[in-house]
Amino acid sequence: MKIIGYHSDSSEKKRVQLALEVVEEILSKSDRVDDFTIEHIVADSVGNESSNIGNLIPLEDDLNQRCKDKQLKDKIYIYKDSKFRSARHVYERYGDGGVEFVAGKRADYLAQAIYKDMMDSKDKLIASLKS
């Protein structure tokens, strides 16, 4: 198996974990995210797309183990059992097969969610400073 991107550098893995934690906090509207493993929606052996942030979700270790070596169509139903909103969102969006999963498009969605959250936080901060 070819090692791609963040797999070869523990500091990169920590950045990915932090990014997934931030996304999970935004999607779940929670300020606490439990321990998780990193699940590759599309197998990490596929190529460079597999290390795209849009291809990664937080997942409980036992669920991640159940996903091992499965194609998306065979494991997406496991995501619905996750306590992580990110994983359940992937199931809700792509579980019926009606929408094709594209990691780059999901990465764009995540970036927009983070940006919107930052702007909402900025607006709330400004409003609180004015009162």
N, C-alpha and C. Protein backbone atom coordinates (compact mmCIF):
# COMPACT_ATOMS: atom_id res chain seq x y z
N MET A 1 0.84 -1.17 0.00
CA MET A 1 0.00 0.00 0.00
C MET A 1 0.89 1.24 0.00
N LYS A 2 0.55 2.19 -0.82
CA LYS A 2 1.31 3.43 -0.93
C LYS A 2 0.91 4.38 0.20
N ILE A 3 1.90 4.97 0.86
CA ILE A 3 1.63 5.96 1.91
C ILE A 3 1.50 7.32 1.24
N ILE A 4 0.39 7.99 1.51
CA ILE A 4 0.08 9.25 0.83
C ILE A 4 -0.06 10.36 1.86
N GLY A 5 0.52 11.52 1.56
CA GLY A 5 0.27 12.74 2.31
C GLY A 5 0.48 12.64 3.80
N TYR A 6 -0.56 12.92 4.55
CA TYR A 6 -0.44 13.04 5.99
C TYR A 6 -0.09 11.73 6.69
N HIS A 7 -0.25 10.60 6.02
CA HIS A 7 0.06 9.32 6.67
C HIS A 7 1.52 9.22 7.09
N SER A 8 2.38 9.91 6.38
CA SER A 8 3.81 9.76 6.63
C SER A 8 4.34 10.74 7.68
N ASP A 9 3.51 11.63 8.18
CA ASP A 9 3.96 12.66 9.11
C ASP A 9 2.94 12.82 10.22
N SER A 10 3.37 12.55 11.47
CA SER A 10 2.42 12.59 12.58
C SER A 10 1.88 13.99 12.81
N SER A 11 2.66 15.04 12.52
CA SER A 11 2.14 16.39 12.70
C SER A 11 1.03 16.67 11.69
N GLU A 12 1.12 16.11 10.49
CA GLU A 12 0.05 16.26 9.50
C GLU A 12 -1.20 15.52 9.97
N LYS A 13 -1.03 14.35 10.55
CA LYS A 13 -2.18 13.59 11.06
C LYS A 13 -2.88 14.39 12.16
N LYS A 14 -2.13 15.04 13.01
CA LYS A 14 -2.72 15.86 14.08
C LYS A 14 -3.50 17.02 13.49
N ARG A 15 -3.01 17.61 12.41
CA ARG A 15 -3.74 18.71 11.76
C ARG A 15 -5.06 18.21 11.19
N VAL A 16 -5.02 17.04 10.58
CA VAL A 16 -6.23 16.46 10.02
C VAL A 16 -7.23 16.17 11.14
N GLN A 17 -6.76 15.60 12.24
CA GLN A 17 -7.64 15.32 13.37
C GLN A 17 -8.25 16.61 13.90
N LEU A 18 -7.46 17.65 13.99
CA LEU A 18 -7.97 18.95 14.47
C LEU A 18 -9.02 19.50 13.52
N ALA A 19 -8.76 19.43 12.22
CA ALA A 19 -9.72 19.92 11.23
C ALA A 19 -11.03 19.13 11.33
N LEU A 20 -10.95 17.81 11.46
CA LEU A 20 -12.16 17.00 11.58
C LEU A 20 -12.91 17.31 12.87
N GLU A 21 -12.16 17.60 13.92
CA GLU A 21 -12.79 17.96 15.19
C GLU A 21 -13.54 19.29 15.06
N VAL A 22 -12.93 20.27 14.41
CA VAL A 22 -13.59 21.56 14.20
C VAL A 22 -14.86 21.38 13.38
N VAL A 23 -14.78 20.63 12.31
CA VAL A 23 -15.95 20.38 11.46
C VAL A 23 -17.05 19.70 12.28
N GLU A 24 -16.68 18.72 13.06
CA GLU A 24 -17.67 18.01 13.88
C GLU A 24 -18.32 18.95 14.89
N GLU A 25 -17.54 19.82 15.50
CA GLU A 25 -18.11 20.80 16.44
C GLU A 25 -19.12 21.70 15.75
N ILE A 26 -18.81 22.12 14.54
CA ILE A 26 -19.71 22.99 13.79
C ILE A 26 -20.99 22.25 13.42
N LEU A 27 -20.85 21.05 12.85
CA LEU A 27 -22.02 20.31 12.38
C LEU A 27 -22.91 19.83 13.53
N SER A 28 -22.28 19.46 14.63
CA SER A 28 -23.06 18.94 15.76
C SER A 28 -23.47 20.04 16.74
N LYS A 29 -22.95 21.24 16.51
CA LYS A 29 -23.23 22.37 17.41
C LYS A 29 -22.86 22.01 18.85
N SER A 30 -21.71 21.38 18.98
CA SER A 30 -21.20 20.96 20.28
C SER A 30 -19.78 21.47 20.44
N ASP A 31 -19.39 21.73 21.67
CA ASP A 31 -18.02 22.18 21.90
C ASP A 31 -17.13 21.06 22.42
N ARG A 32 -17.64 19.83 22.38
CA ARG A 32 -16.84 18.69 22.83
C ARG A 32 -16.99 17.55 21.83
N VAL A 33 -15.86 17.04 21.37
CA VAL A 33 -15.85 15.91 20.45
C VAL A 33 -15.07 14.78 21.11
N ASP A 34 -15.72 13.63 21.22
CA ASP A 34 -15.07 12.47 21.83
C ASP A 34 -13.96 11.94 20.93
N ASP A 35 -13.17 11.04 21.48
CA ASP A 35 -12.08 10.42 20.72
C ASP A 35 -12.64 9.73 19.48
N PHE A 36 -11.84 9.76 18.42
CA PHE A 36 -12.26 9.13 17.18
C PHE A 36 -11.07 8.64 16.39
N THR A 37 -11.36 7.78 15.44
CA THR A 37 -10.36 7.38 14.45
C THR A 37 -10.74 8.07 13.14
N ILE A 38 -9.82 8.11 12.21
CA ILE A 38 -10.08 8.75 10.92
C ILE A 38 -10.51 7.68 9.93
N GLU A 39 -11.71 7.86 9.40
CA GLU A 39 -12.26 6.96 8.41
C GLU A 39 -12.10 7.57 7.02
N HIS A 40 -11.61 6.78 6.10
CA HIS A 40 -11.52 7.19 4.70
C HIS A 40 -12.79 6.74 4.01
N ILE A 41 -13.58 7.66 3.53
CA ILE A 41 -14.83 7.32 2.87
C ILE A 41 -14.54 6.46 1.65
N VAL A 42 -13.62 6.91 0.83
CA VAL A 42 -13.10 6.11 -0.28
C VAL A 42 -11.75 5.59 0.20
N ALA A 43 -11.47 4.32 -0.03
CA ALA A 43 -10.27 3.67 0.51
C ALA A 43 -9.01 4.50 0.31
N ASP A 44 -8.16 4.51 1.33
CA ASP A 44 -6.94 5.32 1.27
C ASP A 44 -5.91 4.77 0.30
N SER A 45 -6.14 3.61 -0.27
CA SER A 45 -5.21 3.05 -1.25
C SER A 45 -5.54 3.48 -2.67
N VAL A 46 -6.62 4.24 -2.85
CA VAL A 46 -7.08 4.62 -4.19
C VAL A 46 -6.17 5.64 -4.86
N GLY A 47 -5.62 6.58 -4.11
CA GLY A 47 -4.77 7.60 -4.70
C GLY A 47 -4.84 8.89 -3.92
N ASN A 48 -4.37 9.97 -4.52
CA ASN A 48 -4.28 11.25 -3.83
C ASN A 48 -5.63 11.76 -3.33
N GLU A 49 -6.70 11.46 -4.03
CA GLU A 49 -8.02 11.93 -3.60
C GLU A 49 -8.37 11.41 -2.21
N SER A 50 -7.83 10.26 -1.85
CA SER A 50 -8.18 9.65 -0.57
C SER A 50 -7.68 10.47 0.62
N SER A 51 -6.66 11.29 0.43
CA SER A 51 -6.16 12.09 1.55
C SER A 51 -6.76 13.50 1.55
N ASN A 52 -7.71 13.76 0.68
CA ASN A 52 -8.43 15.02 0.66
C ASN A 52 -9.32 15.09 1.90
N ILE A 53 -9.37 16.23 2.57
CA ILE A 53 -10.16 16.38 3.80
C ILE A 53 -11.63 16.02 3.56
N GLY A 54 -12.11 16.20 2.36
CA GLY A 54 -13.48 15.84 2.05
C GLY A 54 -13.74 14.35 2.06
N ASN A 55 -12.68 13.57 2.04
CA ASN A 55 -12.79 12.11 2.04
C ASN A 55 -12.67 11.53 3.45
N LEU A 56 -12.55 12.37 4.44
CA LEU A 56 -12.27 11.90 5.79
C LEU A 56 -13.39 12.29 6.75
N ILE A 57 -13.71 11.38 7.65
CA ILE A 57 -14.69 11.66 8.71
C ILE A 57 -14.19 11.06 10.01
N PRO A 58 -14.64 11.64 11.13
CA PRO A 58 -14.36 11.00 12.42
C PRO A 58 -15.30 9.81 12.58
N LEU A 59 -14.80 8.74 13.17
CA LEU A 59 -15.63 7.56 13.38
C LEU A 59 -15.11 6.80 14.59
N GLU A 60 -16.02 6.20 15.33
CA GLU A 60 -15.64 5.38 16.46
C GLU A 60 -14.79 4.21 15.96
N ASP A 61 -13.85 3.78 16.79
CA ASP A 61 -12.92 2.73 16.37
C ASP A 61 -13.65 1.45 15.98
N ASP A 62 -14.65 1.04 16.76
CA ASP A 62 -15.34 -0.22 16.43
C ASP A 62 -16.07 -0.12 15.10
N LEU A 63 -16.66 1.03 14.80
CA LEU A 63 -17.32 1.20 13.51
C LEU A 63 -16.30 1.26 12.38
N ASN A 64 -15.18 1.92 12.64
CA ASN A 64 -14.12 2.01 11.63
C ASN A 64 -13.60 0.61 11.29
N GLN A 65 -13.47 -0.23 12.29
CA GLN A 65 -13.02 -1.61 12.05
C GLN A 65 -14.02 -2.37 11.17
N ARG A 66 -15.31 -2.11 11.37
CA ARG A 66 -16.33 -2.76 10.55
C ARG A 66 -16.27 -2.27 9.10
N CYS A 67 -15.75 -1.07 8.89
CA CYS A 67 -15.67 -0.50 7.54
C CYS A 67 -14.46 -1.00 6.76
N LYS A 68 -13.49 -1.54 7.45
CA LYS A 68 -12.20 -1.91 6.87
C LYS A 68 -12.35 -2.74 5.58
N ASP A 69 -11.66 -2.28 4.55
CA ASP A 69 -11.58 -2.96 3.26
C ASP A 69 -12.92 -3.07 2.52
N LYS A 70 -13.88 -2.22 2.86
CA LYS A 70 -15.16 -2.24 2.17
C LYS A 70 -15.27 -1.04 1.23
N GLN A 71 -16.01 -1.23 0.16
CA GLN A 71 -16.34 -0.15 -0.75
C GLN A 71 -17.39 0.74 -0.07
N LEU A 72 -17.50 1.99 -0.50
CA LEU A 72 -18.44 2.93 0.10
C LEU A 72 -19.86 2.37 0.11
N LYS A 73 -20.29 1.79 -0.98
CA LYS A 73 -21.67 1.28 -1.06
C LYS A 73 -21.93 0.19 -0.03
N ASP A 74 -20.89 -0.50 0.42
CA ASP A 74 -21.03 -1.58 1.38
C ASP A 74 -20.86 -1.13 2.84
N LYS A 75 -20.29 0.03 3.05
CA LYS A 75 -20.04 0.47 4.42
C LYS A 75 -20.80 1.73 4.82
N ILE A 76 -21.41 2.41 3.88
CA ILE A 76 -22.05 3.68 4.20
C ILE A 76 -23.15 3.52 5.25
N TYR A 77 -23.77 2.36 5.30
CA TYR A 77 -24.83 2.11 6.28
C TYR A 77 -24.28 2.05 7.70
N ILE A 78 -23.00 1.76 7.85
CA ILE A 78 -22.36 1.75 9.16
C ILE A 78 -22.29 3.18 9.71
N TYR A 79 -22.14 4.16 8.84
CA TYR A 79 -22.02 5.55 9.26
C TYR A 79 -23.26 6.04 10.01
N LYS A 80 -24.43 5.51 9.67
CA LYS A 80 -25.67 5.99 10.31
C LYS A 80 -25.69 5.65 11.80
N ASP A 81 -24.89 4.69 12.24
CA ASP A 81 -24.83 4.29 13.65
C ASP A 81 -23.83 5.10 14.46
N SER A 82 -23.15 6.03 13.84
CA SER A 82 -22.12 6.81 14.52
C SER A 82 -22.73 7.90 15.38
N LYS A 83 -22.06 8.22 16.46
CA LYS A 83 -22.47 9.37 17.27
C LYS A 83 -21.98 10.68 16.65
N PHE A 84 -21.12 10.58 15.63
CA PHE A 84 -20.57 11.78 15.00
C PHE A 84 -21.49 12.28 13.90
N ARG A 85 -21.88 13.53 13.97
CA ARG A 85 -22.78 14.14 12.99
C ARG A 85 -22.16 14.09 11.59
N SER A 86 -20.85 14.26 11.50
CA SER A 86 -20.17 14.22 10.20
C SER A 86 -20.43 12.91 9.49
N ALA A 87 -20.30 11.81 10.21
CA ALA A 87 -20.50 10.49 9.62
C ALA A 87 -21.96 10.29 9.23
N ARG A 88 -22.86 10.66 10.13
CA ARG A 88 -24.29 10.51 9.81
C ARG A 88 -24.69 11.38 8.63
N HIS A 89 -24.07 12.56 8.51
CA HIS A 89 -24.37 13.44 7.38
C HIS A 89 -23.96 12.77 6.06
N VAL A 90 -22.81 12.11 6.04
CA VAL A 90 -22.37 11.40 4.83
C VAL A 90 -23.40 10.32 4.48
N TYR A 91 -23.86 9.58 5.47
CA TYR A 91 -24.89 8.56 5.21
C TYR A 91 -26.15 9.21 4.64
N GLU A 92 -26.61 10.29 5.27
CA GLU A 92 -27.84 10.96 4.83
C GLU A 92 -27.71 11.49 3.41
N ARG A 93 -26.56 12.02 3.07
CA ARG A 93 -26.35 12.64 1.77
C ARG A 93 -26.14 11.61 0.66
N TYR A 94 -25.37 10.57 0.96
CA TYR A 94 -24.95 9.65 -0.10
C TYR A 94 -25.49 8.23 0.06
N GLY A 95 -26.20 7.94 1.15
CA GLY A 95 -26.62 6.58 1.47
C GLY A 95 -27.57 5.94 0.49
N ASP A 96 -28.39 6.74 -0.17
CA ASP A 96 -29.36 6.13 -1.10
C ASP A 96 -28.78 5.96 -2.50
N GLY A 97 -27.55 6.40 -2.71
CA GLY A 97 -26.91 6.24 -4.01
C GLY A 97 -27.34 7.25 -5.05
N GLY A 98 -28.25 8.16 -4.68
CA GLY A 98 -28.75 9.15 -5.63
C GLY A 98 -27.76 10.26 -5.94
N VAL A 99 -26.85 10.53 -5.00
CA VAL A 99 -25.84 11.57 -5.20
C VAL A 99 -24.47 10.90 -5.19
N GLU A 100 -23.68 11.17 -6.20
CA GLU A 100 -22.34 10.58 -6.29
C GLU A 100 -21.41 11.28 -5.30
N PHE A 101 -20.64 10.50 -4.56
CA PHE A 101 -19.68 11.06 -3.63
C PHE A 101 -18.45 11.55 -4.38
N VAL A 102 -18.09 12.82 -4.19
CA VAL A 102 -16.87 13.40 -4.75
C VAL A 102 -16.18 14.14 -3.61
N ALA A 103 -14.99 13.68 -3.24
CA ALA A 103 -14.28 14.23 -2.09
C ALA A 103 -14.06 15.73 -2.22
N GLY A 104 -13.70 16.21 -3.40
CA GLY A 104 -13.46 17.63 -3.59
C GLY A 104 -14.69 18.48 -3.36
N LYS A 105 -15.85 17.98 -3.78
CA LYS A 105 -17.10 18.72 -3.54
C LYS A 105 -17.43 18.74 -2.06
N ARG A 106 -17.20 17.64 -1.38
CA ARG A 106 -17.45 17.62 0.07
C ARG A 106 -16.48 18.54 0.79
N ALA A 107 -15.24 18.60 0.33
CA ALA A 107 -14.25 19.52 0.92
C ALA A 107 -14.73 20.96 0.78
N ASP A 108 -15.28 21.30 -0.37
CA ASP A 108 -15.84 22.65 -0.57
C ASP A 108 -16.97 22.93 0.41
N TYR A 109 -17.84 21.94 0.59
CA TYR A 109 -18.96 22.08 1.54
C TYR A 109 -18.41 22.33 2.94
N LEU A 110 -17.40 21.56 3.35
CA LEU A 110 -16.82 21.71 4.68
C LEU A 110 -16.19 23.09 4.85
N ALA A 111 -15.49 23.55 3.83
CA ALA A 111 -14.87 24.88 3.89
C ALA A 111 -15.94 25.96 4.04
N GLN A 112 -17.04 25.82 3.32
CA GLN A 112 -18.13 26.80 3.43
C GLN A 112 -18.75 26.76 4.83
N ALA A 113 -18.91 25.58 5.40
CA ALA A 113 -19.47 25.46 6.74
C ALA A 113 -18.56 26.12 7.77
N ILE A 114 -17.26 25.92 7.64
CA ILE A 114 -16.31 26.54 8.55
C ILE A 114 -16.34 28.05 8.39
N TYR A 115 -16.34 28.52 7.16
CA TYR A 115 -16.36 29.96 6.90
C TYR A 115 -17.63 30.59 7.47
N LYS A 116 -18.77 29.97 7.23
CA LYS A 116 -20.04 30.50 7.74
C LYS A 116 -20.01 30.56 9.27
N ASP A 117 -19.49 29.52 9.90
CA ASP A 117 -19.40 29.50 11.36
C ASP A 117 -18.50 30.63 11.86
N MET A 118 -17.39 30.85 11.18
CA MET A 118 -16.47 31.93 11.58
C MET A 118 -17.15 33.29 11.43
N MET A 119 -17.87 33.49 10.34
CA MET A 119 -18.53 34.78 10.12
C MET A 119 -19.65 34.99 11.13
N ASP A 120 -20.41 33.94 11.45
CA ASP A 120 -21.47 34.05 12.45
C ASP A 120 -20.87 34.40 13.81
N SER A 121 -19.74 33.76 14.14
CA SER A 121 -19.06 34.04 15.41
C SER A 121 -18.56 35.48 15.45
N LYS A 122 -18.02 35.94 14.33
CA LYS A 122 -17.53 37.32 14.26
C LYS A 122 -18.68 38.30 14.46
N ASP A 123 -19.80 38.05 13.79
CA ASP A 123 -20.97 38.93 13.91
C ASP A 123 -21.49 38.95 15.35
N LYS A 124 -21.52 37.80 16.01
CA LYS A 124 -21.96 37.74 17.41
C LYS A 124 -21.00 38.50 18.31
N LEU A 125 -19.70 38.37 18.06
CA LEU A 125 -18.72 39.09 18.85
C LEU A 125 -18.87 40.60 18.70
N ILE A 126 -19.03 41.04 17.47
CA ILE A 126 -19.21 42.49 17.21
C ILE A 126 -20.48 43.00 17.88
N ALA A 127 -21.56 42.23 17.78
CA ALA A 127 -22.82 42.64 18.41
C ALA A 127 -22.67 42.73 19.93
N SER A 128 -21.94 41.78 20.52
CA SER A 128 -21.77 41.81 21.97
C SER A 128 -20.89 42.98 22.42
N LEU A 129 -19.95 43.37 21.57
CA LEU A 129 -19.09 44.52 21.91
C LEU A 129 -19.84 45.83 21.81
N LYS A 130 -20.87 45.88 20.97
CA LYS A 130 -21.66 47.10 20.80
C LYS A 130 -22.69 47.28 21.91
N SER A 131 -23.03 46.20 22.61
CA SER A 131 -24.07 46.33 23.64
C SER A 131 -23.52 46.65 25.00
